[in-house]
Amino acid sequence: MEYHDRDHSVFIDGDYLIKGVAGAVLWRILNDYSERGRVDFSNRELRLDTRLGLPEISDNLEARLILLNRRLQERSPFLRIEKTGRGRFRLLLQRPLVLVPMNPCAAPMMQGGINPPAASADQA
């Protein structure tokens, strides 16, 4: 998975997926998963993350997440986000990913491999 910091565009296996704030959100949650193993996220924490470039007023975050979810459904059968409650969602991975920042500006975000979480007893 490639990330271009200049416009926050994300490519999967060389194919364009999404850009802008939705691309920055996807890159951020994938990095959190890679660094900390997190799969559960909240809209509130995204709103507080200044790196995403959300406007302070009328950020339309929910609409951006809906667009991201739609693009993932259309173009990535192994990567999903699902709503788990009001203002909450979960990252679902079905195959390992390698995160590749394509610009030096993206260096603070993690570069490396991501493996899907092991199935828990309730998922087996």
C-alpha atoms as a PDB file:
ATOM      1  CA  MET A   1       0.000   0.000   0.000  1.00  0.00           C
ATOM      2  CA  GLU A   2       1.471   3.329  -1.085  1.00  0.00           C
ATOM      3  CA  TYR A   3       0.748   6.732   0.444  1.00  0.00           C
ATOM      4  CA  HIS A   4       1.511  10.070  -1.227  1.00  0.00           C
ATOM      5  CA  ASP A   5       1.654  12.816   1.384  1.00  0.00           C
ATOM      6  CA  ARG A   6       1.220  15.751  -1.005  1.00  0.00           C
ATOM      7  CA  ASP A   7      -2.453  14.909  -1.692  1.00  0.00           C
ATOM      8  CA  HIS A   8      -3.011  12.042   0.783  1.00  0.00           C
ATOM      9  CA  SER A   9      -3.605   9.593  -2.059  1.00  0.00           C
ATOM     10  CA  VAL A  10      -3.547   5.872  -1.312  1.00  0.00           C
ATOM     11  CA  PHE A  11      -2.795   3.104  -3.799  1.00  0.00           C
ATOM     12  CA  ILE A  12      -3.299  -0.631  -3.245  1.00  0.00           C
ATOM     13  CA  ASP A  13      -1.165  -2.934  -5.373  1.00  0.00           C
ATOM     14  CA  GLY A  14      -0.439   0.032  -7.663  1.00  0.00           C
ATOM     15  CA  ASP A  15      -4.130   0.901  -8.192  1.00  0.00           C
ATOM     16  CA  TYR A  16      -5.583   4.200  -6.995  1.00  0.00           C
ATOM     17  CA  LEU A  17      -7.971   3.855  -4.048  1.00  0.00           C
ATOM     18  CA  ILE A  18      -8.694   7.270  -2.534  1.00  0.00           C
ATOM     19  CA  LYS A  19      -7.161  10.662  -1.721  1.00  0.00           C
ATOM     20  CA  GLY A  20      -7.724  13.712   0.423  1.00  0.00           C
ATOM     21  CA  VAL A  21      -8.936  13.526   3.999  1.00  0.00           C
ATOM     22  CA  ALA A  22     -10.335  10.008   3.503  1.00  0.00           C
ATOM     23  CA  GLY A  23      -6.895   8.855   2.320  1.00  0.00           C
ATOM     24  CA  ALA A  24      -5.233  10.490   5.322  1.00  0.00           C
ATOM     25  CA  VAL A  25      -7.748   8.773   7.627  1.00  0.00           C
ATOM     26  CA  LEU A  26      -7.049   5.372   6.074  1.00  0.00           C
ATOM     27  CA  TRP A  27      -3.279   5.857   6.334  1.00  0.00           C
ATOM     28  CA  ARG A  28      -3.611   6.971   9.950  1.00  0.00           C
ATOM     29  CA  ILE A  29      -5.677   3.956  11.052  1.00  0.00           C
ATOM     30  CA  LEU A  30      -3.411   1.538   9.167  1.00  0.00           C
ATOM     31  CA  ASN A  31      -0.399   3.045  10.908  1.00  0.00           C
ATOM     32  CA  ASP A  32      -2.098   2.781  14.294  1.00  0.00           C
ATOM     33  CA  TYR A  33      -2.815  -0.866  13.541  1.00  0.00           C
ATOM     34  CA  SER A  34       0.774  -1.462  12.424  1.00  0.00           C
ATOM     35  CA  GLU A  35       2.355   0.300  15.414  1.00  0.00           C
ATOM     36  CA  ARG A  36      -0.042  -0.624  18.224  1.00  0.00           C
ATOM     37  CA  GLY A  37      -2.249  -3.440  16.920  1.00  0.00           C
ATOM     38  CA  ARG A  38      -5.352  -1.258  17.238  1.00  0.00           C
ATOM     39  CA  VAL A  39      -8.451  -2.179  15.262  1.00  0.00           C
ATOM     40  CA  ASP A  40     -11.111  -0.065  17.014  1.00  0.00           C
ATOM     41  CA  PHE A  41     -11.319   3.670  16.369  1.00  0.00           C
ATOM     42  CA  SER A  42     -13.621   6.593  17.091  1.00  0.00           C
ATOM     43  CA  ASN A  43     -14.694   9.587  15.056  1.00  0.00           C
ATOM     44  CA  ARG A  44     -13.773  11.791  18.012  1.00  0.00           C
ATOM     45  CA  GLU A  45     -10.111  10.754  17.975  1.00  0.00           C
ATOM     46  CA  LEU A  46      -9.953  11.426  14.224  1.00  0.00           C
ATOM     47  CA  ARG A  47     -11.446  14.878  14.705  1.00  0.00           C
ATOM     48  CA  LEU A  48      -8.773  15.659  17.296  1.00  0.00           C
ATOM     49  CA  ASP A  49      -5.898  14.547  15.040  1.00  0.00           C
ATOM     50  CA  THR A  50      -4.600  17.743  13.412  1.00  0.00           C
ATOM     51  CA  ARG A  51      -2.470  15.748  10.908  1.00  0.00           C
ATOM     52  CA  LEU A  52      -5.641  14.793   9.015  1.00  0.00           C
ATOM     53  CA  GLY A  53      -6.396  18.355   7.934  1.00  0.00           C
ATOM     54  CA  LEU A  54     -10.077  18.355   8.885  1.00  0.00           C
ATOM     55  CA  PRO A  55     -11.661  21.814   8.947  1.00  0.00           C
ATOM     56  CA  GLU A  56     -12.646  23.016  12.424  1.00  0.00           C
ATOM     57  CA  ILE A  57     -16.221  23.737  11.363  1.00  0.00           C
ATOM     58  CA  SER A  58     -18.356  21.316   9.353  1.00  0.00           C
ATOM     59  CA  ASP A  59     -15.721  18.631   8.810  1.00  0.00           C
ATOM     60  CA  ASN A  60     -18.118  16.114   7.152  1.00  0.00           C
ATOM     61  CA  LEU A  61     -16.129  13.280   8.717  1.00  0.00           C
ATOM     62  CA  GLU A  62     -19.040  10.826   8.551  1.00  0.00           C
ATOM     63  CA  ALA A  63     -19.468  11.472   4.814  1.00  0.00           C
ATOM     64  CA  ARG A  64     -15.738  10.945   4.279  1.00  0.00           C
ATOM     65  CA  LEU A  65     -15.866   7.636   6.186  1.00  0.00           C
ATOM     66  CA  ILE A  66     -18.854   6.500   4.109  1.00  0.00           C
ATOM     67  CA  LEU A  67     -16.911   7.293   0.921  1.00  0.00           C
ATOM     68  CA  LEU A  68     -13.866   5.445   2.262  1.00  0.00           C
ATOM     69  CA  ASN A  69     -15.984   2.429   3.162  1.00  0.00           C
ATOM     70  CA  ARG A  70     -17.592   2.419  -0.290  1.00  0.00           C
ATOM     71  CA  ARG A  71     -14.201   2.593  -2.047  1.00  0.00           C
ATOM     72  CA  LEU A  72     -12.845  -0.241   0.078  1.00  0.00           C
ATOM     73  CA  GLN A  73     -15.882  -2.381  -0.770  1.00  0.00           C
ATOM     74  CA  GLU A  74     -15.447  -1.678  -4.493  1.00  0.00           C
ATOM     75  CA  ARG A  75     -11.679  -2.072  -4.759  1.00  0.00           C
ATOM     76  CA  SER A  76     -10.287  -4.010  -1.820  1.00  0.00           C
ATOM     77  CA  PRO A  77     -11.899  -7.300  -0.770  1.00  0.00           C
ATOM     78  CA  PHE A  78      -9.262  -7.855   1.940  1.00  0.00           C
ATOM     79  CA  LEU A  79      -9.526  -4.481   3.732  1.00  0.00           C
ATOM     80  CA  ARG A  80     -12.672  -3.065   5.328  1.00  0.00           C
ATOM     81  CA  ILE A  81     -13.949  -0.709   7.944  1.00  0.00           C
ATOM     82  CA  GLU A  82     -17.211  -1.503   9.688  1.00  0.00           C
ATOM     83  CA  LYS A  83     -19.362   0.602  11.952  1.00  0.00           C
ATOM     84  CA  THR A  84     -19.455  -0.810  15.481  1.00  0.00           C
ATOM     85  CA  GLY A  85     -21.547   1.849  17.196  1.00  0.00           C
ATOM     86  CA  ARG A  86     -22.317   5.520  17.204  1.00  0.00           C
ATOM     87  CA  GLY A  87     -19.111   7.304  16.219  1.00  0.00           C
ATOM     88  CA  ARG A  88     -17.091   4.063  16.280  1.00  0.00           C
ATOM     89  CA  PHE A  89     -15.675   1.727  13.655  1.00  0.00           C
ATOM     90  CA  ARG A  90     -13.348  -1.253  13.308  1.00  0.00           C
ATOM     91  CA  LEU A  91     -10.564  -2.016  10.836  1.00  0.00           C
ATOM     92  CA  LEU A  92     -10.791  -5.496   9.278  1.00  0.00           C
ATOM     93  CA  LEU A  93      -7.790  -6.989   7.438  1.00  0.00           C
ATOM     94  CA  GLN A  94      -7.738 -10.343   5.688  1.00  0.00           C
ATOM     95  CA  ARG A  95      -4.175 -10.297   4.371  1.00  0.00           C
ATOM     96  CA  PRO A  96      -0.846  -8.738   5.334  1.00  0.00           C
ATOM     97  CA  LEU A  97      -0.104  -5.250   4.025  1.00  0.00           C
ATOM     98  CA  VAL A  98       3.130  -3.344   3.527  1.00  0.00           C
ATOM     99  CA  LEU A  99       2.881   0.411   4.110  1.00  0.00           C
ATOM    100  CA  VAL A 100       5.099   2.459   1.825  1.00  0.00           C
ATOM    101  CA  PRO A 101       5.209   6.258   2.231  1.00  0.00           C
ATOM    102  CA  MET A 102       6.142   7.690  -1.168  1.00  0.00           C
ATOM    103  CA  ASN A 103       7.260  11.129   0.081  1.00  0.00           C
ATOM    104  CA  PRO A 104       9.773  12.163   2.730  1.00  0.00           C
ATOM    105  CA  CYS A 105       6.950  14.137   4.403  1.00  0.00           C
ATOM    106  CA  ALA A 106       5.214  10.838   5.236  1.00  0.00           C
ATOM    107  CA  ALA A 107       8.201   9.559   7.238  1.00  0.00           C
ATOM    108  CA  PRO A 108       6.663  10.143  10.698  1.00  0.00           C
ATOM    109  CA  MET A 109       3.979   7.618   9.834  1.00  0.00           C
ATOM    110  CA  MET A 110       5.056   3.994  10.046  1.00  0.00           C
ATOM    111  CA  GLN A 111       6.621   2.139   7.136  1.00  0.00           C
ATOM    112  CA  GLY A 112       6.506  -1.603   7.349  1.00  0.00           C
ATOM    113  CA  GLY A 113       4.428  -4.715   7.125  1.00  0.00           C
ATOM    114  CA  ILE A 114       1.014  -5.259   8.618  1.00  0.00           C
ATOM    115  CA  ASN A 115      -0.387  -8.692   9.300  1.00  0.00           C
ATOM    116  CA  PRO A 116      -4.084  -9.283   9.868  1.00  0.00           C
ATOM    117  CA  PRO A 117      -5.045 -10.015  13.459  1.00  0.00           C
ATOM    118  CA  ALA A 118      -5.294 -13.644  14.471  1.00  0.00           C
ATOM    119  CA  ALA A 119      -8.885 -14.857  14.665  1.00  0.00           C
ATOM    120  CA  SER A 120     -10.170 -14.739  18.206  1.00  0.00           C
ATOM    121  CA  ALA A 121     -12.138 -17.587  19.732  1.00  0.00           C
ATOM    122  CA  ASP A 122     -15.454 -15.839  19.048  1.00  0.00           C
ATOM    123  CA  GLN A 123     -14.563 -15.317  15.354  1.00  0.00           C
ATOM    124  CA  ALA A 124     -13.450 -18.919  14.727  1.00  0.00           C
END
